Protein backbone atom coordinates (compact mmCIF):
# COMPACT_ATOMS: atom_id res chain seq x y z
CA UNK A 1 0.00 0.00 0.00
CA UNK A 2 0.29 3.63 0.44
CA UNK A 3 1.74 5.52 3.41
CA UNK A 4 -1.11 6.27 5.85
CA UNK A 5 -0.43 10.02 5.76
CA UNK A 6 -1.24 9.92 2.04
CA UNK A 7 -4.63 8.30 2.60
CA UNK A 8 -7.92 10.10 3.12
CA UNK A 9 -10.89 8.28 4.61
CA UNK A 10 -14.31 9.74 3.88
CA UNK A 11 -17.13 9.07 6.31
CA UNK A 12 -20.21 10.31 8.09
CA UNK A 13 -20.02 8.55 11.45
CA UNK A 14 -17.86 8.80 14.57
CA UNK A 15 -16.64 5.26 13.94
CA UNK A 16 -15.33 6.30 10.52
CA UNK A 17 -13.31 9.09 12.15
CA UNK A 18 -12.00 6.71 14.80
CA UNK A 19 -10.98 4.14 12.18
CA UNK A 20 -9.09 6.76 10.19
CA UNK A 21 -7.25 7.91 13.32
CA UNK A 22 -6.47 4.34 14.37
CA UNK A 23 -4.88 3.69 11.00
CA UNK A 24 -3.01 7.01 10.79
CA UNK A 25 -5.07 8.18 7.82
CA UNK A 26 -6.62 11.60 7.38
CA UNK A 27 -10.40 11.92 7.77
CA UNK A 28 -12.80 13.96 5.65
CA UNK A 29 -16.31 14.17 7.14
CA UNK A 30 -19.60 14.22 5.30
CA UNK A 31 -21.81 16.43 7.45
CA UNK A 32 -25.39 15.49 8.29
CA UNK A 33 -27.95 17.77 6.63
CA UNK A 34 -25.04 19.31 4.66
CA UNK A 35 -24.09 16.38 2.47
CA UNK A 36 -24.17 18.31 -0.81
CA UNK A 37 -21.94 21.03 0.62
CA UNK A 38 -19.53 18.40 1.97
CA UNK A 39 -19.17 16.72 -1.43
CA UNK A 40 -18.86 20.08 -3.20
CA UNK A 41 -15.90 20.93 -0.91
CA UNK A 42 -14.23 17.53 -1.36
CA UNK A 43 -11.97 18.59 -4.28
CA UNK A 44 -10.33 21.11 -1.93
CA UNK A 45 -9.62 18.31 0.55
CA UNK A 46 -8.11 16.16 -2.20
CA UNK A 47 -5.96 19.05 -3.39
CA UNK A 48 -4.66 19.67 0.11
CA UNK A 49 -3.92 15.99 0.63
CA UNK A 50 -1.98 15.90 -2.61
CA UNK A 51 0.12 18.97 -1.81
CA UNK A 52 0.75 18.01 1.85
CA UNK A 53 -1.33 20.73 3.53
CA UNK A 54 -4.27 18.63 4.71
CA UNK A 55 -3.43 18.38 8.43
CA UNK A 56 -4.57 21.84 9.58
CA UNK A 57 -7.52 21.80 7.18
CA UNK A 58 -8.47 18.32 8.45
CA UNK A 59 -8.37 19.50 12.05
CA UNK A 60 -10.86 22.25 11.22
CA UNK A 61 -13.07 19.77 9.36
CA UNK A 62 -12.97 17.38 12.34
CA UNK A 63 -14.06 20.17 14.69
CA UNK A 64 -16.87 21.05 12.29
CA UNK A 65 -17.86 17.37 12.21
CA UNK A 66 -18.11 17.16 16.01
CA UNK A 67 -20.27 20.30 16.16
CA UNK A 68 -22.43 18.88 13.38
CA UNK A 69 -22.89 15.61 15.28
CA UNK A 70 -23.98 17.51 18.38
CA UNK A 71 -26.72 19.24 16.37
CA UNK A 72 -25.47 22.67 17.43
CA UNK A 73 -24.98 23.76 13.82
CA UNK A 74 -28.71 23.56 13.00
CA UNK A 75 -30.01 26.94 11.97
PDB file of N, CA and C in Angstrom:
ATOM      1  N   UNK A   1       0.621  -1.157   0.000  1.00  0.00           N
ATOM      2  CA  UNK A   1       0.000   0.000   0.000  1.00  0.00           C
ATOM      3  C   UNK A   1       0.701   1.306   0.000  1.00  0.00           C
ATOM      4  N   UNK A   2      -0.111   2.224   0.398  1.00  0.00           N
ATOM      5  CA  UNK A   2       0.291   3.627   0.443  1.00  0.00           C
ATOM      6  C   UNK A   2       0.628   4.024   1.870  1.00  0.00           C
ATOM      7  N   UNK A   3       1.502   5.002   2.058  1.00  0.00           N
ATOM      8  CA  UNK A   3       1.743   5.519   3.412  1.00  0.00           C
ATOM      9  C   UNK A   3       0.431   6.097   3.968  1.00  0.00           C
ATOM     10  N   UNK A   4       0.147   5.838   5.244  1.00  0.00           N
ATOM     11  CA  UNK A   4      -1.111   6.273   5.853  1.00  0.00           C
ATOM     12  C   UNK A   4      -1.335   7.771   5.738  1.00  0.00           C
ATOM     13  N   UNK A   5      -0.255   8.558   5.830  1.00  0.00           N
ATOM     14  CA  UNK A   5      -0.430  10.021   5.764  1.00  0.00           C
ATOM     15  C   UNK A   5      -0.845  10.486   4.370  1.00  0.00           C
ATOM     16  N   UNK A   6      -0.791   9.595   3.393  1.00  0.00           N
ATOM     17  CA  UNK A   6      -1.238   9.921   2.036  1.00  0.00           C
ATOM     18  C   UNK A   6      -2.635   9.383   1.743  1.00  0.00           C
ATOM     19  N   UNK A   7      -3.289   8.863   2.778  1.00  0.00           N
ATOM     20  CA  UNK A   7      -4.627   8.303   2.596  1.00  0.00           C
ATOM     21  C   UNK A   7      -5.661   9.198   3.255  1.00  0.00           C
ATOM     22  N   UNK A   8      -6.827   9.274   2.630  1.00  0.00           N
ATOM     23  CA  UNK A   8      -7.924  10.097   3.117  1.00  0.00           C
ATOM     24  C   UNK A   8      -9.165   9.222   3.209  1.00  0.00           C
ATOM     25  N   UNK A   9      -9.675   9.060   4.407  1.00  0.00           N
ATOM     26  CA  UNK A   9     -10.892   8.282   4.610  1.00  0.00           C
ATOM     27  C   UNK A   9     -12.068   9.244   4.668  1.00  0.00           C
ATOM     28  N   UNK A  10     -13.090   8.936   3.919  1.00  0.00           N
ATOM     29  CA  UNK A  10     -14.307   9.741   3.881  1.00  0.00           C
ATOM     30  C   UNK A  10     -15.371   9.006   4.674  1.00  0.00           C
ATOM     31  N   UNK A  11     -16.086   9.724   5.535  1.00  0.00           N
ATOM     32  CA  UNK A  11     -17.128   9.070   6.311  1.00  0.00           C
ATOM     33  C   UNK A  11     -18.101  10.048   6.920  1.00  0.00           C
ATOM     34  N   UNK A  12     -19.165   9.473   7.495  1.00  0.00           N
ATOM     35  CA  UNK A  12     -20.208  10.308   8.088  1.00  0.00           C
ATOM     36  C   UNK A  12     -20.579   9.868   9.502  1.00  0.00           C
ATOM     37  N   UNK A  13     -19.722   9.066  10.117  1.00  0.00           N
ATOM     38  CA  UNK A  13     -20.023   8.553  11.449  1.00  0.00           C
ATOM     39  C   UNK A  13     -18.780   8.646  12.340  1.00  0.00           C
ATOM     40  N   UNK A  14     -18.993   8.751  13.650  1.00  0.00           N
ATOM     41  CA  UNK A  14     -17.857   8.803  14.568  1.00  0.00           C
ATOM     42  C   UNK A  14     -16.916   7.596  14.414  1.00  0.00           C
ATOM     43  N   UNK A  15     -17.470   6.435  14.125  1.00  0.00           N
ATOM     44  CA  UNK A  15     -16.641   5.255  13.938  1.00  0.00           C
ATOM     45  C   UNK A  15     -15.722   5.370  12.739  1.00  0.00           C
ATOM     46  N   UNK A  16     -16.172   6.070  11.702  1.00  0.00           N
ATOM     47  CA  UNK A  16     -15.331   6.304  10.524  1.00  0.00           C
ATOM     48  C   UNK A  16     -14.131   7.171  10.906  1.00  0.00           C
ATOM     49  N   UNK A  17     -14.389   8.201  11.687  1.00  0.00           N
ATOM     50  CA  UNK A  17     -13.312   9.090  12.147  1.00  0.00           C
ATOM     51  C   UNK A  17     -12.321   8.316  13.012  1.00  0.00           C
ATOM     52  N   UNK A  18     -12.854   7.505  13.917  1.00  0.00           N
ATOM     53  CA  UNK A  18     -11.997   6.711  14.801  1.00  0.00           C
ATOM     54  C   UNK A  18     -11.142   5.719  14.009  1.00  0.00           C
ATOM     55  N   UNK A  19     -11.726   5.098  13.002  1.00  0.00           N
ATOM     56  CA  UNK A  19     -10.977   4.140  12.179  1.00  0.00           C
ATOM     57  C   UNK A  19      -9.848   4.832  11.426  1.00  0.00           C
ATOM     58  N   UNK A  20     -10.127   6.007  10.900  1.00  0.00           N
ATOM     59  CA  UNK A  20      -9.085   6.759  10.190  1.00  0.00           C
ATOM     60  C   UNK A  20      -7.937   7.081  11.148  1.00  0.00           C
ATOM     61  N   UNK A  21      -8.274   7.563  12.336  1.00  0.00           N
ATOM     62  CA  UNK A  21      -7.251   7.913  13.322  1.00  0.00           C
ATOM     63  C   UNK A  21      -6.452   6.684  13.749  1.00  0.00           C
ATOM     64  N   UNK A  22      -7.135   5.573  13.959  1.00  0.00           N
ATOM     65  CA  UNK A  22      -6.472   4.340  14.374  1.00  0.00           C
ATOM     66  C   UNK A  22      -5.458   3.865  13.336  1.00  0.00           C
ATOM     67  N   UNK A  23      -5.754   4.131  12.082  1.00  0.00           N
ATOM     68  CA  UNK A  23      -4.881   3.691  10.996  1.00  0.00           C
ATOM     69  C   UNK A  23      -3.932   4.772  10.501  1.00  0.00           C
ATOM     70  N   UNK A  24      -3.931   5.933  11.153  1.00  0.00           N
ATOM     71  CA  UNK A  24      -3.010   7.005  10.787  1.00  0.00           C
ATOM     72  C   UNK A  24      -3.381   7.721   9.502  1.00  0.00           C
ATOM     73  N   UNK A  25      -4.610   7.527   9.039  1.00  0.00           N
ATOM     74  CA  UNK A  25      -5.075   8.181   7.815  1.00  0.00           C
ATOM     75  C   UNK A  25      -5.762   9.500   8.166  1.00  0.00           C
ATOM     76  N   UNK A  26      -5.855  10.368   7.207  1.00  0.00           N
ATOM     77  CA  UNK A  26      -6.622  11.598   7.381  1.00  0.00           C
ATOM     78  C   UNK A  26      -8.102  11.268   7.245  1.00  0.00           C
ATOM     79  N   UNK A  27      -8.947  12.130   7.800  1.00  0.00           N
ATOM     80  CA  UNK A  27     -10.396  11.921   7.767  1.00  0.00           C
ATOM     81  C   UNK A  27     -11.075  13.138   7.165  1.00  0.00           C
ATOM     82  N   UNK A  28     -11.978  12.893   6.221  1.00  0.00           N
ATOM     83  CA  UNK A  28     -12.799  13.960   5.645  1.00  0.00           C
ATOM     84  C   UNK A  28     -14.257  13.624   5.951  1.00  0.00           C
ATOM     85  N   UNK A  29     -14.934  14.468   6.747  1.00  0.00           N
ATOM     86  CA  UNK A  29     -16.305  14.170   7.138  1.00  0.00           C
ATOM     87  C   UNK A  29     -17.353  14.632   6.121  1.00  0.00           C
ATOM     88  N   UNK A  30     -18.386  13.830   6.022  1.00  0.00           N
ATOM     89  CA  UNK A  30     -19.597  14.222   5.299  1.00  0.00           C
ATOM     90  C   UNK A  30     -20.589  14.630   6.385  1.00  0.00           C
ATOM     91  N   UNK A  31     -20.977  15.881   6.375  1.00  0.00           N
ATOM     92  CA  UNK A  31     -21.806  16.427   7.447  1.00  0.00           C
ATOM     93  C   UNK A  31     -23.285  16.131   7.236  1.00  0.00           C
ATOM     94  N   UNK A  32     -23.951  15.749   8.323  1.00  0.00           N
ATOM     95  CA  UNK A  32     -25.389  15.492   8.292  1.00  0.00           C
ATOM     96  C   UNK A  32     -26.134  16.776   7.943  1.00  0.00           C
ATOM     97  N   UNK A  33     -27.114  16.652   7.105  1.00  0.00           N
ATOM     98  CA  UNK A  33     -27.945  17.770   6.627  1.00  0.00           C
ATOM     99  C   UNK A  33     -27.158  18.762   5.767  1.00  0.00           C
ATOM    100  N   UNK A  34     -25.885  18.445   5.496  1.00  0.00           N
ATOM    101  CA  UNK A  34     -25.043  19.313   4.663  1.00  0.00           C
ATOM    102  C   UNK A  34     -24.214  18.451   3.707  1.00  0.00           C
ATOM    103  N   UNK A  35     -24.812  17.332   3.297  1.00  0.00           N
ATOM    104  CA  UNK A  35     -24.085  16.376   2.466  1.00  0.00           C
ATOM    105  C   UNK A  35     -23.641  16.986   1.136  1.00  0.00           C
ATOM    106  N   UNK A  36     -24.523  17.708   0.482  1.00  0.00           N
ATOM    107  CA  UNK A  36     -24.175  18.306  -0.810  1.00  0.00           C
ATOM    108  C   UNK A  36     -22.997  19.267  -0.671  1.00  0.00           C
ATOM    109  N   UNK A  37     -23.040  20.093   0.355  1.00  0.00           N
ATOM    110  CA  UNK A  37     -21.942  21.029   0.622  1.00  0.00           C
ATOM    111  C   UNK A  37     -20.632  20.269   0.877  1.00  0.00           C
ATOM    112  N   UNK A  38     -20.724  19.193   1.660  1.00  0.00           N
ATOM    113  CA  UNK A  38     -19.535  18.403   1.968  1.00  0.00           C
ATOM    114  C   UNK A  38     -18.902  17.852   0.695  1.00  0.00           C
ATOM    115  N   UNK A  39     -19.718  17.286  -0.194  1.00  0.00           N
ATOM    116  CA  UNK A  39     -19.167  16.724  -1.434  1.00  0.00           C
ATOM    117  C   UNK A  39     -18.666  17.812  -2.371  1.00  0.00           C
ATOM    118  N   UNK A  40     -19.312  18.965  -2.356  1.00  0.00           N
ATOM    119  CA  UNK A  40     -18.858  20.079  -3.196  1.00  0.00           C
ATOM    120  C   UNK A  40     -17.474  20.557  -2.764  1.00  0.00           C
ATOM    121  N   UNK A  41     -17.193  20.486  -1.444  1.00  0.00           N
ATOM    122  CA  UNK A  41     -15.903  20.925  -0.908  1.00  0.00           C
ATOM    123  C   UNK A  41     -14.816  19.851  -0.989  1.00  0.00           C
ATOM    124  N   UNK A  42     -15.192  18.625  -1.351  1.00  0.00           N
ATOM    125  CA  UNK A  42     -14.233  17.526  -1.361  1.00  0.00           C
ATOM    126  C   UNK A  42     -13.020  17.766  -2.268  1.00  0.00           C
ATOM    127  N   UNK A  43     -13.170  18.354  -3.459  1.00  0.00           N
ATOM    128  CA  UNK A  43     -11.974  18.589  -4.283  1.00  0.00           C
ATOM    129  C   UNK A  43     -10.893  19.412  -3.568  1.00  0.00           C
ATOM    130  N   UNK A  44     -11.304  20.329  -2.709  1.00  0.00           N
ATOM    131  CA  UNK A  44     -10.331  21.113  -1.925  1.00  0.00           C
ATOM    132  C   UNK A  44      -9.575  20.192  -0.972  1.00  0.00           C
ATOM    133  N   UNK A  45     -10.274  19.268  -0.351  1.00  0.00           N
ATOM    134  CA  UNK A  45      -9.623  18.312   0.551  1.00  0.00           C
ATOM    135  C   UNK A  45      -8.617  17.460  -0.222  1.00  0.00           C
ATOM    136  N   UNK A  46      -9.008  16.986  -1.379  1.00  0.00           N
ATOM    137  CA  UNK A  46      -8.114  16.159  -2.196  1.00  0.00           C
ATOM    138  C   UNK A  46      -6.882  16.953  -2.636  1.00  0.00           C
ATOM    139  N   UNK A  47      -7.083  18.199  -2.992  1.00  0.00           N
ATOM    140  CA  UNK A  47      -5.959  19.052  -3.395  1.00  0.00           C
ATOM    141  C   UNK A  47      -4.977  19.229  -2.245  1.00  0.00           C
ATOM    142  N   UNK A  48      -5.519  19.484  -1.055  1.00  0.00           N
ATOM    143  CA  UNK A  48      -4.658  19.675   0.114  1.00  0.00           C
ATOM    144  C   UNK A  48      -3.929  18.390   0.490  1.00  0.00           C
ATOM    145  N   UNK A  49      -4.596  17.261   0.356  1.00  0.00           N
ATOM    146  CA  UNK A  49      -3.924  15.989   0.629  1.00  0.00           C
ATOM    147  C   UNK A  49      -2.761  15.799  -0.332  1.00  0.00           C
ATOM    148  N   UNK A  50      -3.006  16.085  -1.589  1.00  0.00           N
ATOM    149  CA  UNK A  50      -1.979  15.901  -2.613  1.00  0.00           C
ATOM    150  C   UNK A  50      -0.771  16.805  -2.389  1.00  0.00           C
ATOM    151  N   UNK A  51      -1.015  18.053  -1.966  1.00  0.00           N
ATOM    152  CA  UNK A  51       0.121  18.973  -1.808  1.00  0.00           C
ATOM    153  C   UNK A  51       0.685  19.010  -0.383  1.00  0.00           C
ATOM    154  N   UNK A  52       0.181  18.131   0.508  1.00  0.00           N
ATOM    155  CA  UNK A  52       0.747  18.013   1.845  1.00  0.00           C
ATOM    156  C   UNK A  52       0.278  19.027   2.865  1.00  0.00           C
ATOM    157  N   UNK A  53      -0.837  19.719   2.584  1.00  0.00           N
ATOM    158  CA  UNK A  53      -1.330  20.734   3.526  1.00  0.00           C
ATOM    159  C   UNK A  53      -2.665  20.343   4.160  1.00  0.00           C
ATOM    160  N   UNK A  54      -2.956  19.060   4.209  1.00  0.00           N
ATOM    161  CA  UNK A  54      -4.265  18.627   4.710  1.00  0.00           C
ATOM    162  C   UNK A  54      -4.394  18.715   6.228  1.00  0.00           C
ATOM    163  N   UNK A  55      -3.324  18.535   6.970  1.00  0.00           N
ATOM    164  CA  UNK A  55      -3.427  18.382   8.428  1.00  0.00           C
ATOM    165  C   UNK A  55      -4.239  19.494   9.097  1.00  0.00           C
ATOM    166  N   UNK A  56      -3.853  20.733   8.930  1.00  0.00           N
ATOM    167  CA  UNK A  56      -4.571  21.844   9.578  1.00  0.00           C
ATOM    168  C   UNK A  56      -6.012  21.929   9.077  1.00  0.00           C
ATOM    169  N   UNK A  57      -6.189  21.790   7.783  1.00  0.00           N
ATOM    170  CA  UNK A  57      -7.523  21.795   7.179  1.00  0.00           C
ATOM    171  C   UNK A  57      -8.361  20.665   7.782  1.00  0.00           C
ATOM    172  N   UNK A  58      -7.771  19.469   7.891  1.00  0.00           N
ATOM    173  CA  UNK A  58      -8.472  18.323   8.447  1.00  0.00           C
ATOM    174  C   UNK A  58      -8.870  18.520   9.896  1.00  0.00           C
ATOM    175  N   UNK A  59      -8.034  19.194  10.658  1.00  0.00           N
ATOM    176  CA  UNK A  59      -8.372  19.497  12.051  1.00  0.00           C
ATOM    177  C   UNK A  59      -9.609  20.384  12.119  1.00  0.00           C
ATOM    178  N   UNK A  60      -9.670  21.383  11.263  1.00  0.00           N
ATOM    179  CA  UNK A  60     -10.856  22.250  11.221  1.00  0.00           C
ATOM    180  C   UNK A  60     -12.097  21.465  10.811  1.00  0.00           C
ATOM    181  N   UNK A  61     -11.944  20.586   9.812  1.00  0.00           N
ATOM    182  CA  UNK A  61     -13.072  19.769   9.357  1.00  0.00           C
ATOM    183  C   UNK A  61     -13.539  18.822  10.462  1.00  0.00           C
ATOM    184  N   UNK A  62     -12.604  18.279  11.235  1.00  0.00           N
ATOM    185  CA  UNK A  62     -12.967  17.385  12.336  1.00  0.00           C
ATOM    186  C   UNK A  62     -13.750  18.132  13.414  1.00  0.00           C
ATOM    187  N   UNK A  63     -13.327  19.352  13.724  1.00  0.00           N
ATOM    188  CA  UNK A  63     -14.063  20.167  14.690  1.00  0.00           C
ATOM    189  C   UNK A  63     -15.473  20.455  14.180  1.00  0.00           C
ATOM    190  N   UNK A  64     -15.576  20.791  12.908  1.00  0.00           N
ATOM    191  CA  UNK A  64     -16.874  21.053  12.295  1.00  0.00           C
ATOM    192  C   UNK A  64     -17.755  19.799  12.363  1.00  0.00           C
ATOM    193  N   UNK A  65     -17.162  18.638  12.148  1.00  0.00           N
ATOM    194  CA  UNK A  65     -17.865  17.370  12.209  1.00  0.00           C
ATOM    195  C   UNK A  65     -18.440  17.131  13.604  1.00  0.00           C
ATOM    196  N   UNK A  66     -17.645  17.375  14.643  1.00  0.00           N
ATOM    197  CA  UNK A  66     -18.113  17.162  16.009  1.00  0.00           C
ATOM    198  C   UNK A  66     -19.258  18.105  16.366  1.00  0.00           C
ATOM    199  N   UNK A  67     -19.171  19.345  15.931  1.00  0.00           N
ATOM    200  CA  UNK A  67     -20.268  20.300  16.163  1.00  0.00           C
ATOM    201  C   UNK A  67     -21.512  19.832  15.408  1.00  0.00           C
ATOM    202  N   UNK A  68     -21.325  19.375  14.188  1.00  0.00           N
ATOM    203  CA  UNK A  68     -22.435  18.884  13.380  1.00  0.00           C
ATOM    204  C   UNK A  68     -23.112  17.692  14.061  1.00  0.00           C
ATOM    205  N   UNK A  69     -22.319  16.772  14.598  1.00  0.00           N
ATOM    206  CA  UNK A  69     -22.888  15.609  15.277  1.00  0.00           C
ATOM    207  C   UNK A  69     -23.708  16.003  16.503  1.00  0.00           C
ATOM    208  N   UNK A  70     -23.281  17.066  17.169  1.00  0.00           N
ATOM    209  CA  UNK A  70     -23.981  17.506  18.377  1.00  0.00           C
ATOM    210  C   UNK A  70     -25.306  18.177  18.050  1.00  0.00           C
ATOM    211  N   UNK A  71     -25.494  18.550  16.777  1.00  0.00           N
ATOM    212  CA  UNK A  71     -26.716  19.237  16.373  1.00  0.00           C
ATOM    213  C   UNK A  71     -26.683  20.729  16.628  1.00  0.00           C
ATOM    214  N   UNK A  72     -25.557  21.253  17.098  1.00  0.00           N
ATOM    215  CA  UNK A  72     -25.470  22.671  17.425  1.00  0.00           C
ATOM    216  C   UNK A  72     -25.292  23.553  16.195  1.00  0.00           C
ATOM    217  N   UNK A  73     -25.141  22.943  15.024  1.00  0.00           N
ATOM    218  CA  UNK A  73     -24.983  23.762  13.816  1.00  0.00           C
ATOM    219  C   UNK A  73     -26.299  23.910  13.067  1.00  0.00           C
ATOM    220  N   UNK A  74     -27.386  23.438  13.646  1.00  0.00           N
ATOM    221  CA  UNK A  74     -28.707  23.556  13.002  1.00  0.00           C
ATOM    222  C   UNK A  74     -29.169  25.000  13.110  1.00  0.00           C
ATOM    223  N   UNK A  75     -29.562  25.535  11.999  1.00  0.00           N
ATOM    224  CA  UNK A  75     -30.012  26.944  11.973  1.00  0.00           C
ATOM    225  C   UNK A  75     -31.477  27.023  12.328  1.00  0.00           C
TER     226      UNK A  75
END
